[in-house]
N, C-alpha and C. Protein backbone atom coordinates (compact mmCIF):
# COMPACT_ATOMS: atom_id res chain seq x y z
N UNK A 1 111.12 88.58 95.35
CA UNK A 1 111.32 88.93 96.60
C UNK A 1 112.49 90.16 96.33
N UNK A 2 113.21 90.04 95.48
CA UNK A 2 114.33 90.83 95.19
C UNK A 2 114.01 92.22 94.87
N UNK A 3 112.64 92.14 93.93
CA UNK A 3 112.13 93.48 93.76
C UNK A 3 111.77 94.27 94.93
N UNK A 4 111.09 93.54 96.03
CA UNK A 4 110.87 94.15 97.36
C UNK A 4 111.83 94.83 98.04
N UNK A 5 113.09 93.98 97.96
CA UNK A 5 114.27 94.66 98.51
C UNK A 5 114.66 95.68 97.90
N UNK A 6 114.86 95.71 96.56
CA UNK A 6 115.06 96.97 95.58
C UNK A 6 114.17 98.00 96.01
N UNK A 7 112.85 97.83 95.94
CA UNK A 7 111.80 99.07 96.16
C UNK A 7 112.24 99.57 97.49
N UNK A 8 112.30 98.76 98.62
CA UNK A 8 112.55 99.23 99.93
C UNK A 8 113.83 100.00 100.07
N UNK A 9 114.89 99.64 99.34
CA UNK A 9 116.22 100.33 99.16
C UNK A 9 115.84 101.73 98.67
N UNK A 10 115.09 101.82 97.47
CA UNK A 10 114.95 102.86 96.60
C UNK A 10 113.92 104.03 97.62
N UNK A 11 112.93 103.35 98.21
CA UNK A 11 112.40 104.10 99.13
C UNK A 11 113.09 104.83 100.39
N UNK A 12 113.93 103.98 100.79
CA UNK A 12 114.89 104.56 101.95
C UNK A 12 115.92 105.61 101.29
N UNK A 13 116.45 105.20 100.07
CA UNK A 13 117.35 106.34 99.36
C UNK A 13 116.26 107.60 99.04
N UNK A 14 114.98 107.56 98.79
CA UNK A 14 114.39 108.66 98.77
C UNK A 14 114.24 109.52 99.93
N UNK A 15 114.08 108.92 101.13
CA UNK A 15 113.80 109.40 102.36
C UNK A 15 115.08 110.28 102.76
N UNK A 16 116.34 109.49 102.34
CA UNK A 16 117.70 110.16 102.80
C UNK A 16 117.84 111.38 101.86
N UNK A 17 117.37 111.35 100.53
CA UNK A 17 117.64 112.47 99.80
C UNK A 17 116.34 113.51 99.70
N UNK A 18 115.93 113.95 100.81
CA UNK A 18 114.69 114.74 100.74
C UNK A 18 114.84 116.07 100.37
N UNK A 19 116.09 116.31 99.66
CA UNK A 19 116.19 117.81 99.31
C UNK A 19 116.14 117.65 97.71
N UNK A 20 115.70 116.59 96.99
CA UNK A 20 115.74 116.19 95.74
C UNK A 20 114.71 117.53 95.00
N UNK A 21 115.23 117.83 93.99
CA UNK A 21 114.45 118.91 93.27
C UNK A 21 114.03 118.41 91.97
N UNK A 22 114.21 117.15 91.50
CA UNK A 22 113.95 116.73 90.09
C UNK A 22 112.47 116.79 89.70
N UNK A 23 112.26 117.30 88.57
CA UNK A 23 110.94 117.44 88.31
C UNK A 23 110.00 116.06 88.03
N UNK A 24 110.79 115.24 87.69
CA UNK A 24 110.28 113.81 87.61
C UNK A 24 109.71 113.32 88.69
N UNK A 25 110.17 113.66 89.84
CA UNK A 25 109.76 112.92 91.10
C UNK A 25 109.31 113.94 92.23
N UNK A 26 109.12 115.23 92.04
CA UNK A 26 108.61 115.79 92.92
C UNK A 26 107.40 116.97 92.80
N UNK A 27 106.55 116.76 93.35
CA UNK A 27 105.38 117.68 93.34
C UNK A 27 105.62 119.06 94.01
N UNK A 28 105.52 120.18 93.44
CA UNK A 28 105.86 121.57 94.07
C UNK A 28 104.33 121.97 94.40
N UNK A 29 104.44 122.35 95.73
CA UNK A 29 103.02 122.94 96.31
C UNK A 29 103.13 124.39 95.88
N UNK A 30 101.84 124.81 95.78
CA UNK A 30 101.61 126.33 95.46
C UNK A 30 100.58 126.94 96.11
N UNK A 31 100.41 128.12 95.60
CA UNK A 31 99.31 129.08 96.49
C UNK A 31 98.11 128.34 95.93
N UNK A 32 97.01 128.40 96.77
CA UNK A 32 95.68 127.80 96.22
C UNK A 32 94.88 129.01 96.82
N UNK A 33 93.74 128.99 95.96
CA UNK A 33 92.57 130.03 96.25
C UNK A 33 91.80 129.38 97.57
N UNK A 34 91.19 130.09 98.34
CA UNK A 34 90.60 129.50 99.69
C UNK A 34 89.30 129.17 99.23
N UNK A 35 89.14 128.12 98.42
CA UNK A 35 87.91 127.61 98.15
C UNK A 35 87.81 126.12 98.37
N UNK A 36 86.68 125.62 98.60
CA UNK A 36 86.60 124.15 99.09
C UNK A 36 86.64 123.14 97.85
N UNK A 37 86.66 123.57 96.53
CA UNK A 37 86.76 122.89 95.39
C UNK A 37 88.39 123.08 94.95
N UNK A 38 89.22 123.84 95.31
CA UNK A 38 90.35 124.62 94.63
C UNK A 38 91.36 123.36 94.71
N UNK A 39 92.19 123.14 93.72
CA UNK A 39 93.33 122.53 93.45
C UNK A 39 94.38 123.10 93.04
N UNK A 40 95.64 123.12 93.59
CA UNK A 40 96.66 123.96 93.10
C UNK A 40 97.44 123.40 91.99
N UNK A 41 98.00 124.25 91.05
CA UNK A 41 98.69 123.89 89.93
C UNK A 41 99.96 124.70 90.07
N UNK A 42 100.99 123.93 90.08
CA UNK A 42 102.61 124.39 90.00
C UNK A 42 103.19 124.09 88.83
N UNK A 43 104.19 125.05 88.42
CA UNK A 43 104.76 124.61 87.10
C UNK A 43 106.27 124.26 87.62
N UNK A 44 106.57 122.97 87.25
CA UNK A 44 107.61 122.26 87.35
C UNK A 44 108.43 122.00 86.16
N UNK A 45 109.41 122.62 85.78
CA UNK A 45 110.06 122.84 84.64
C UNK A 45 109.10 122.52 83.27
N UNK A 46 108.11 123.17 83.37
CA UNK A 46 107.37 123.10 82.25
C UNK A 46 105.92 122.03 82.14
N UNK A 47 106.01 121.51 83.37
CA UNK A 47 104.92 120.52 83.62
C UNK A 47 103.98 121.10 84.69
N UNK A 48 102.65 120.98 84.41
CA UNK A 48 101.55 121.27 85.33
C UNK A 48 101.45 120.24 86.36
N UNK A 49 101.62 120.55 87.57
CA UNK A 49 101.45 119.55 88.63
C UNK A 49 100.51 119.95 89.73
N UNK A 50 99.87 118.78 90.24
CA UNK A 50 98.66 119.31 91.22
C UNK A 50 99.26 119.30 92.38
N UNK A 51 98.89 119.92 93.45
CA UNK A 51 99.26 120.17 94.77
C UNK A 51 97.91 120.13 95.75
N UNK A 52 98.03 119.81 97.26
CA UNK A 52 97.04 119.79 97.90
C UNK A 52 96.45 121.12 98.01
N UNK A 53 95.10 121.24 98.29
CA UNK A 53 94.42 122.30 98.82
C UNK A 53 94.87 122.89 99.93
N UNK A 54 95.41 124.10 100.10
CA UNK A 54 96.26 124.35 101.27
C UNK A 54 95.93 125.63 101.91
N UNK A 55 94.56 126.01 101.83
CA UNK A 55 94.45 127.40 102.29
C UNK A 55 92.98 127.61 102.97
N UNK A 56 93.01 128.55 104.02
CA UNK A 56 91.62 128.53 104.74
C UNK A 56 91.45 127.63 105.88
N UNK A 57 90.75 128.02 106.75
CA UNK A 57 90.47 127.28 107.80
C UNK A 57 89.50 126.13 107.68
N UNK A 58 89.63 124.70 108.00
CA UNK A 58 88.77 123.88 107.94
C UNK A 58 87.62 124.01 108.75
N UNK A 59 86.51 123.33 108.17
CA UNK A 59 85.35 123.47 109.01
C UNK A 59 85.15 121.84 109.44
N UNK A 60 84.60 121.41 110.63
CA UNK A 60 84.50 120.12 110.93
C UNK A 60 82.99 119.68 111.26
N UNK A 61 82.52 118.65 110.21
CA UNK A 61 81.40 118.21 110.61
C UNK A 61 81.19 117.92 112.09
N UNK A 62 80.09 118.14 112.68
CA UNK A 62 79.99 117.91 113.95
C UNK A 62 79.84 116.44 114.38
N UNK A 63 79.58 115.48 113.42
CA UNK A 63 79.68 114.12 113.83
C UNK A 63 81.04 113.42 113.54
N UNK A 64 81.93 114.13 112.64
CA UNK A 64 83.06 113.30 112.02
C UNK A 64 84.18 113.35 113.11
N UNK A 65 84.30 114.37 113.90
CA UNK A 65 85.27 114.22 114.78
C UNK A 65 84.79 114.85 116.39
N UNK A 66 85.21 114.31 117.26
CA UNK A 66 84.65 114.60 118.64
C UNK A 66 85.17 116.30 118.97
N UNK A 67 84.53 117.02 119.52
CA UNK A 67 84.84 118.39 119.73
C UNK A 67 86.24 118.72 120.40
N UNK A 68 86.64 117.99 121.52
CA UNK A 68 87.84 118.16 122.02
C UNK A 68 89.14 117.79 121.08
N UNK A 69 88.90 116.56 120.39
CA UNK A 69 89.83 116.41 119.42
C UNK A 69 89.90 117.35 118.37
N UNK A 70 88.78 117.73 117.76
CA UNK A 70 88.84 118.79 116.70
C UNK A 70 89.51 120.05 117.17
N UNK A 71 89.24 120.46 118.43
CA UNK A 71 89.79 121.77 118.79
C UNK A 71 91.50 121.75 118.76
N UNK A 72 91.93 120.64 119.40
CA UNK A 72 93.40 120.15 119.40
C UNK A 72 93.82 120.25 118.00
N UNK A 73 93.47 119.46 117.21
CA UNK A 73 93.76 119.38 115.81
C UNK A 73 93.68 120.71 115.04
N UNK A 74 92.65 121.39 115.05
CA UNK A 74 92.65 122.49 114.39
C UNK A 74 93.64 123.69 114.70
N UNK A 75 94.40 123.67 115.97
CA UNK A 75 95.34 124.80 116.12
C UNK A 75 96.62 124.48 115.46
N UNK A 76 96.62 123.18 114.92
CA UNK A 76 97.96 122.96 114.02
C UNK A 76 97.83 123.43 112.47
N UNK A 77 98.70 124.23 112.11
CA UNK A 77 98.69 124.61 110.51
C UNK A 77 99.84 123.67 110.16
N UNK A 78 99.31 122.93 109.19
CA UNK A 78 100.12 121.82 108.26
C UNK A 78 100.44 122.42 106.95
N UNK A 79 101.88 122.20 106.48
CA UNK A 79 102.10 122.44 104.98
C UNK A 79 102.79 121.06 104.63
N UNK A 80 102.30 120.82 103.43
CA UNK A 80 102.95 119.50 102.77
C UNK A 80 104.18 120.13 101.89
N UNK A 81 105.23 119.50 102.26
CA UNK A 81 106.62 119.87 101.04
C UNK A 81 106.19 118.95 99.90
N UNK A 82 107.34 119.12 98.97
CA UNK A 82 107.11 118.65 97.64
C UNK A 82 107.10 117.12 97.97
N UNK A 83 106.45 116.30 97.27
CA UNK A 83 106.43 114.73 97.42
C UNK A 83 107.25 114.22 96.47
N UNK A 84 108.19 113.30 96.82
CA UNK A 84 108.97 112.53 96.19
C UNK A 84 108.60 111.15 96.11
N UNK A 85 109.05 110.96 94.59
CA UNK A 85 108.91 109.38 94.12
C UNK A 85 107.71 109.22 93.31
N UNK A 86 106.46 109.78 93.23
CA UNK A 86 105.48 109.56 92.68
C UNK A 86 105.27 110.34 91.31
N UNK A 87 104.70 109.76 90.21
CA UNK A 87 104.33 110.50 89.20
C UNK A 87 103.27 111.55 89.51
N UNK A 88 103.22 112.69 88.55
CA UNK A 88 102.11 113.54 88.63
C UNK A 88 100.72 112.91 88.40
N UNK A 89 100.74 111.81 87.49
CA UNK A 89 99.43 111.24 87.29
C UNK A 89 98.74 110.66 88.52
N UNK A 90 99.99 109.93 89.24
CA UNK A 90 99.59 109.10 90.39
C UNK A 90 99.40 109.86 91.56
N UNK A 91 100.05 111.18 91.80
CA UNK A 91 100.01 111.91 93.02
C UNK A 91 98.71 112.95 92.97
N UNK A 92 98.31 113.05 91.84
CA UNK A 92 97.18 114.26 91.42
C UNK A 92 95.90 113.60 92.60
N UNK A 93 95.23 112.59 92.49
CA UNK A 93 94.17 112.18 93.42
C UNK A 93 94.64 112.13 94.92
N UNK A 94 95.87 111.99 95.04
CA UNK A 94 96.47 111.73 96.41
C UNK A 94 96.39 113.36 96.92
N UNK A 95 96.95 114.17 96.33
CA UNK A 95 97.11 115.56 96.66
C UNK A 95 95.71 116.16 96.76
N UNK A 96 94.48 115.88 95.97
CA UNK A 96 93.35 116.53 96.10
C UNK A 96 92.67 115.92 97.28
N UNK A 97 92.72 114.74 97.47
CA UNK A 97 92.09 113.90 98.77
C UNK A 97 92.90 114.43 100.08
N UNK A 98 94.05 114.75 99.96
CA UNK A 98 94.75 115.28 101.32
C UNK A 98 94.06 116.60 101.72
N UNK A 99 93.70 117.50 100.78
CA UNK A 99 93.20 118.53 100.96
C UNK A 99 91.48 118.44 101.66
N UNK A 100 90.95 117.75 100.85
CA UNK A 100 89.39 117.37 101.33
C UNK A 100 89.44 116.59 102.68
N UNK A 101 90.28 115.72 102.82
CA UNK A 101 90.28 114.77 103.88
C UNK A 101 90.57 115.85 105.34
N UNK A 102 91.85 116.61 105.18
CA UNK A 102 92.18 117.58 106.06
C UNK A 102 90.95 118.57 106.49
N UNK A 103 90.35 118.98 105.50
CA UNK A 103 89.12 119.75 106.07
C UNK A 103 88.18 118.92 106.88
N UNK A 104 87.79 117.46 106.34
CA UNK A 104 86.96 116.88 107.16
C UNK A 104 87.27 116.63 108.50
N UNK A 105 88.78 116.43 108.78
CA UNK A 105 89.31 116.19 109.93
C UNK A 105 89.69 117.46 110.91
N UNK A 106 89.34 118.81 110.35
CA UNK A 106 89.68 119.85 111.20
C UNK A 106 91.02 120.34 111.26
N UNK A 107 91.81 120.04 110.07
CA UNK A 107 93.41 120.25 110.15
C UNK A 107 93.24 121.76 109.05
N UNK A 108 94.05 122.36 109.62
CA UNK A 108 94.05 123.70 108.71
C UNK A 108 95.48 123.60 107.95
N UNK A 109 95.40 123.55 106.56
CA UNK A 109 96.55 123.53 105.75
C UNK A 109 97.01 124.78 105.42
N UNK A 110 98.61 125.00 105.34
CA UNK A 110 99.08 126.24 105.06
C UNK A 110 99.52 126.06 103.57
N UNK A 111 99.20 127.21 102.86
CA UNK A 111 100.01 127.04 101.39
C UNK A 111 101.45 127.59 101.43
N UNK A 112 101.98 127.42 100.20
CA UNK A 112 103.34 127.64 100.14
C UNK A 112 103.68 129.38 100.14
N UNK A 113 102.64 129.96 99.87
CA UNK A 113 102.64 131.49 99.87
C UNK A 113 102.23 132.21 101.14
N UNK A 114 101.81 131.34 102.02
CA UNK A 114 101.50 131.84 103.33
C UNK A 114 102.66 132.49 103.95
N UNK A 115 102.44 133.79 104.63
CA UNK A 115 103.46 134.58 105.37
C UNK A 115 104.00 134.02 106.93
N UNK A 116 102.69 133.49 107.39
CA UNK A 116 103.11 133.02 108.61
C UNK A 116 103.41 131.59 108.64
N UNK A 117 104.65 131.12 109.49
CA UNK A 117 104.99 129.81 109.19
C UNK A 117 104.13 128.81 109.90
N UNK A 118 104.39 127.81 109.22
CA UNK A 118 103.28 126.50 109.46
C UNK A 118 103.68 126.19 111.07
N UNK A 119 102.69 125.23 111.59
CA UNK A 119 103.18 124.52 112.84
C UNK A 119 103.99 123.28 112.48
N UNK A 120 103.53 122.53 111.35
CA UNK A 120 104.41 121.43 111.19
C UNK A 120 104.34 121.24 109.61
N UNK A 121 105.50 120.57 109.18
CA UNK A 121 105.67 120.56 107.76
C UNK A 121 105.59 118.88 107.63
N UNK A 122 104.96 118.33 106.56
CA UNK A 122 105.04 117.00 106.10
C UNK A 122 105.89 116.63 104.83
N UNK A 123 106.80 115.72 104.79
CA UNK A 123 107.67 115.68 103.59
C UNK A 123 107.25 113.91 103.34
N UNK A 124 106.78 113.78 102.00
CA UNK A 124 106.27 112.46 101.90
C UNK A 124 107.14 111.85 100.79
N UNK A 125 107.49 110.53 100.74
CA UNK A 125 108.19 109.68 99.99
C UNK A 125 107.50 108.45 99.61
N UNK A 126 107.33 108.23 98.20
CA UNK A 126 106.57 107.24 97.83
C UNK A 126 107.29 106.07 96.94
N UNK A 127 107.04 105.04 96.78
CA UNK A 127 107.58 103.93 95.75
C UNK A 127 106.20 103.13 95.45
N UNK A 128 106.35 102.65 94.25
CA UNK A 128 105.35 101.74 93.56
C UNK A 128 105.90 100.67 93.06
N UNK A 129 105.48 99.18 93.32
CA UNK A 129 105.95 98.12 92.91
C UNK A 129 104.87 97.30 92.31
N UNK A 130 104.98 96.40 91.21
CA UNK A 130 103.94 95.53 90.68
C UNK A 130 104.50 94.13 90.85
N UNK A 131 103.68 93.16 91.37
CA UNK A 131 103.97 91.62 91.36
C UNK A 131 102.57 91.11 90.75
N UNK A 132 102.93 90.47 89.90
CA UNK A 132 101.81 89.66 89.14
C UNK A 132 100.40 90.69 88.65
N UNK A 133 99.48 90.34 89.39
CA UNK A 133 98.24 91.38 89.18
C UNK A 133 98.06 92.52 90.22
N UNK A 134 98.89 92.46 91.21
CA UNK A 134 98.85 93.45 92.27
C UNK A 134 99.91 94.64 92.18
N UNK A 135 99.50 95.84 92.47
CA UNK A 135 100.66 96.92 92.62
C UNK A 135 100.52 97.21 94.14
N UNK A 136 101.59 97.63 94.60
CA UNK A 136 101.89 97.89 96.05
C UNK A 136 102.43 99.43 96.15
N UNK A 137 101.95 100.39 96.81
CA UNK A 137 102.49 101.58 96.96
C UNK A 137 102.94 101.80 98.34
N UNK A 138 104.13 102.16 98.71
CA UNK A 138 104.84 102.05 100.05
C UNK A 138 104.91 103.70 99.98
N UNK A 139 104.66 103.97 101.26
CA UNK A 139 104.90 105.58 101.79
C UNK A 139 105.21 105.91 102.98
N UNK A 140 105.93 106.81 103.05
CA UNK A 140 106.63 107.55 104.28
C UNK A 140 106.31 108.83 104.31
N UNK A 141 105.84 109.32 105.47
CA UNK A 141 105.55 110.78 105.78
C UNK A 141 106.28 111.12 106.89
N UNK A 142 107.53 112.16 106.97
CA UNK A 142 108.01 112.58 108.14
C UNK A 142 107.37 113.90 108.21
N UNK A 143 107.22 114.07 109.63
CA UNK A 143 106.71 115.23 110.21
C UNK A 143 107.61 115.93 110.98
N UNK A 144 107.96 117.19 110.42
CA UNK A 144 108.96 118.21 111.15
C UNK A 144 108.49 119.44 111.66
N UNK A 145 109.03 119.98 112.60
CA UNK A 145 108.55 121.14 113.17
C UNK A 145 109.43 122.35 112.07
N UNK A 146 108.94 123.74 112.29
CA UNK A 146 109.62 124.63 111.48
C UNK A 146 111.06 124.91 111.60
N UNK A 147 111.71 124.26 112.69
CA UNK A 147 113.32 124.45 112.87
C UNK A 147 113.90 123.15 112.05
N UNK A 148 113.21 122.29 111.79
CA UNK A 148 113.62 121.05 111.05
C UNK A 148 113.86 119.78 111.70
N UNK A 149 113.42 119.86 112.91
CA UNK A 149 113.45 118.61 113.88
C UNK A 149 112.24 117.81 113.53
N UNK A 150 112.64 116.46 113.34
CA UNK A 150 111.58 115.42 112.99
C UNK A 150 110.95 115.07 114.31
N UNK A 151 109.44 115.10 114.37
CA UNK A 151 108.59 114.95 115.35
C UNK A 151 108.02 113.65 115.29
N UNK A 152 107.60 112.98 114.13
CA UNK A 152 106.82 111.90 114.00
C UNK A 152 107.11 111.28 112.58
N UNK A 153 106.64 109.92 112.55
CA UNK A 153 106.71 109.45 111.17
C UNK A 153 105.55 108.62 110.96
N UNK A 154 104.80 108.66 109.84
CA UNK A 154 103.77 107.84 109.38
C UNK A 154 104.30 107.28 108.15
N UNK A 155 104.18 105.74 108.21
CA UNK A 155 104.39 105.11 107.04
C UNK A 155 103.12 103.82 106.89
N UNK A 156 103.46 103.36 105.79
CA UNK A 156 102.53 102.10 105.38
C UNK A 156 102.62 101.59 104.08
N UNK A 157 101.60 100.72 103.84
CA UNK A 157 101.61 100.42 102.16
C UNK A 157 100.27 100.06 101.79
N UNK A 158 99.75 100.13 100.56
CA UNK A 158 98.66 99.94 100.06
C UNK A 158 98.72 99.06 98.75
N UNK A 159 97.95 97.98 98.98
CA UNK A 159 98.10 96.84 97.78
C UNK A 159 96.73 96.54 97.06
N UNK A 160 96.76 96.92 95.77
CA UNK A 160 95.52 96.76 94.97
C UNK A 160 95.58 96.27 93.71
N UNK A 161 94.71 95.57 93.13
CA UNK A 161 94.81 95.05 91.83
C UNK A 161 95.22 96.19 90.93
N UNK A 162 96.19 95.87 90.14
CA UNK A 162 96.75 96.93 89.15
C UNK A 162 95.51 97.30 88.21
N UNK A 163 95.62 98.81 88.05
CA UNK A 163 94.44 99.42 87.39
C UNK A 163 94.63 99.64 85.87
N UNK A 164 96.03 99.91 85.58
CA UNK A 164 96.31 100.26 84.14
C UNK A 164 97.29 99.13 83.44
N UNK A 165 97.83 99.85 82.47
CA UNK A 165 98.87 98.79 81.83
C UNK A 165 100.10 99.20 82.32
N UNK A 166 101.10 98.10 82.32
CA UNK A 166 102.54 98.36 82.79
C UNK A 166 102.70 98.06 84.16
N UNK A 167 103.93 98.37 84.60
CA UNK A 167 103.96 98.19 85.88
C UNK A 167 104.29 99.42 86.69
N UNK A 168 104.49 99.45 88.12
CA UNK A 168 104.75 100.61 88.70
C UNK A 168 103.54 101.74 88.82
N UNK A 169 103.99 102.83 88.80
CA UNK A 169 102.91 104.12 88.83
C UNK A 169 101.90 103.86 87.79
N UNK A 170 102.06 103.57 86.67
CA UNK A 170 100.86 103.35 85.49
C UNK A 170 99.97 102.43 85.86
N UNK A 171 100.09 101.57 86.78
CA UNK A 171 99.19 100.41 87.50
C UNK A 171 98.50 100.77 88.63
N UNK A 172 98.91 102.10 89.17
CA UNK A 172 98.24 102.60 90.60
C UNK A 172 96.75 103.22 90.17
N UNK A 173 95.79 102.62 90.79
CA UNK A 173 94.46 103.45 90.58
C UNK A 173 94.48 104.73 91.51
N UNK A 174 93.64 105.61 91.04
CA UNK A 174 93.36 106.75 91.68
C UNK A 174 92.75 106.47 93.17
N UNK A 175 91.86 105.43 93.22
CA UNK A 175 91.28 105.11 94.63
C UNK A 175 92.38 104.56 95.58
N UNK A 176 93.38 103.95 95.07
CA UNK A 176 94.54 103.47 95.90
C UNK A 176 95.32 104.96 96.58
N UNK A 177 95.59 105.90 96.02
CA UNK A 177 96.29 107.06 96.31
C UNK A 177 95.08 107.97 97.37
N UNK A 178 93.91 107.89 97.07
CA UNK A 178 93.05 108.58 97.90
C UNK A 178 93.03 107.90 99.15
N UNK A 179 93.01 106.35 99.15
CA UNK A 179 93.00 105.67 100.41
C UNK A 179 94.15 106.09 101.27
N UNK A 180 95.26 106.19 100.61
CA UNK A 180 96.56 106.52 101.33
C UNK A 180 96.39 107.92 101.83
N UNK A 181 95.86 108.79 101.20
CA UNK A 181 95.60 110.36 101.74
C UNK A 181 94.66 110.09 102.81
N UNK A 182 93.38 109.28 102.94
CA UNK A 182 92.64 109.13 104.09
C UNK A 182 93.48 108.57 105.29
N UNK A 183 94.22 107.66 105.03
CA UNK A 183 95.03 107.27 106.23
C UNK A 183 96.01 108.02 106.67
N UNK A 184 96.58 108.79 105.85
CA UNK A 184 97.47 109.65 106.38
C UNK A 184 97.12 110.71 107.20
N UNK A 185 96.13 111.40 106.82
CA UNK A 185 95.41 112.46 107.42
C UNK A 185 94.84 112.03 108.56
N UNK A 186 94.25 110.80 108.88
CA UNK A 186 93.67 110.19 109.94
C UNK A 186 94.72 109.97 111.30
N UNK A 187 95.85 109.49 110.52
CA UNK A 187 97.03 109.05 111.53
C UNK A 187 97.49 110.32 111.96
N UNK A 188 97.69 111.41 111.22
CA UNK A 188 98.16 112.75 111.47
C UNK A 188 97.19 113.50 112.59
N UNK A 189 95.90 113.41 112.31
CA UNK A 189 94.99 113.86 113.30
C UNK A 189 94.78 113.10 114.57
N UNK A 190 95.08 111.75 114.69
CA UNK A 190 95.12 111.08 115.91
C UNK A 190 96.56 111.67 116.54
N UNK A 191 97.51 111.50 115.87
CA UNK A 191 98.90 112.11 116.62
C UNK A 191 98.63 113.43 117.17
N UNK A 192 98.07 114.34 116.46
CA UNK A 192 98.12 115.77 116.76
C UNK A 192 97.20 115.89 118.17
N UNK A 193 96.01 115.10 117.89
CA UNK A 193 95.24 114.85 119.31
C UNK A 193 95.84 114.33 120.50
N UNK A 194 96.96 113.49 120.25
CA UNK A 194 97.62 112.86 121.44
C UNK A 194 98.69 113.41 121.81
N UNK A 195 99.14 114.54 120.75
CA UNK A 195 100.55 115.34 121.23
C UNK A 195 100.43 116.12 122.30
N UNK A 196 101.22 116.22 123.27
CA UNK A 196 100.91 117.26 124.35
C UNK A 196 101.14 118.75 123.88
N UNK A 197 100.49 119.57 124.26
CA UNK A 197 100.76 121.17 124.01
C UNK A 197 100.17 121.36 122.77
């Protein structure tokens, strides 16, 4: 129980310290070639770091999203800010899936080198805790407008059997992070569709 309280406190501290620039716990987004399969690599103090594919206008499968919802969602350009709290190894499947799922849901992602400002900015904060044979990832995404006003919050947790050795991030399976990415984009798309204007 104390571990959960400590982890919640750590996640809260991460959210409060959103200006964190440590290479250990921040994934820097970078420019991405506008291809379906592309994944960005950014250099952060000598470490290659994956970031979500963030370029080009997404196409929507006809059956995946209703036309009206797709039209509302596709108007928003979303930029992911550096992700705080997750290791590079754990965050790579998350960032790859964010790009893929955004395209599936008709959300246009903006790269860090885009000259036009994004419609919204997503800031993510993550923590991983192992209890027995299970590891839980707790996550918070704050959604901001370009002026820095927080508009919305997406949060949750995902628990799965530990995949690797050790505790915390080494025990988090790629499928867990991919599931978080799907849930994040789905909740974002639902919010964008319901948002006035």
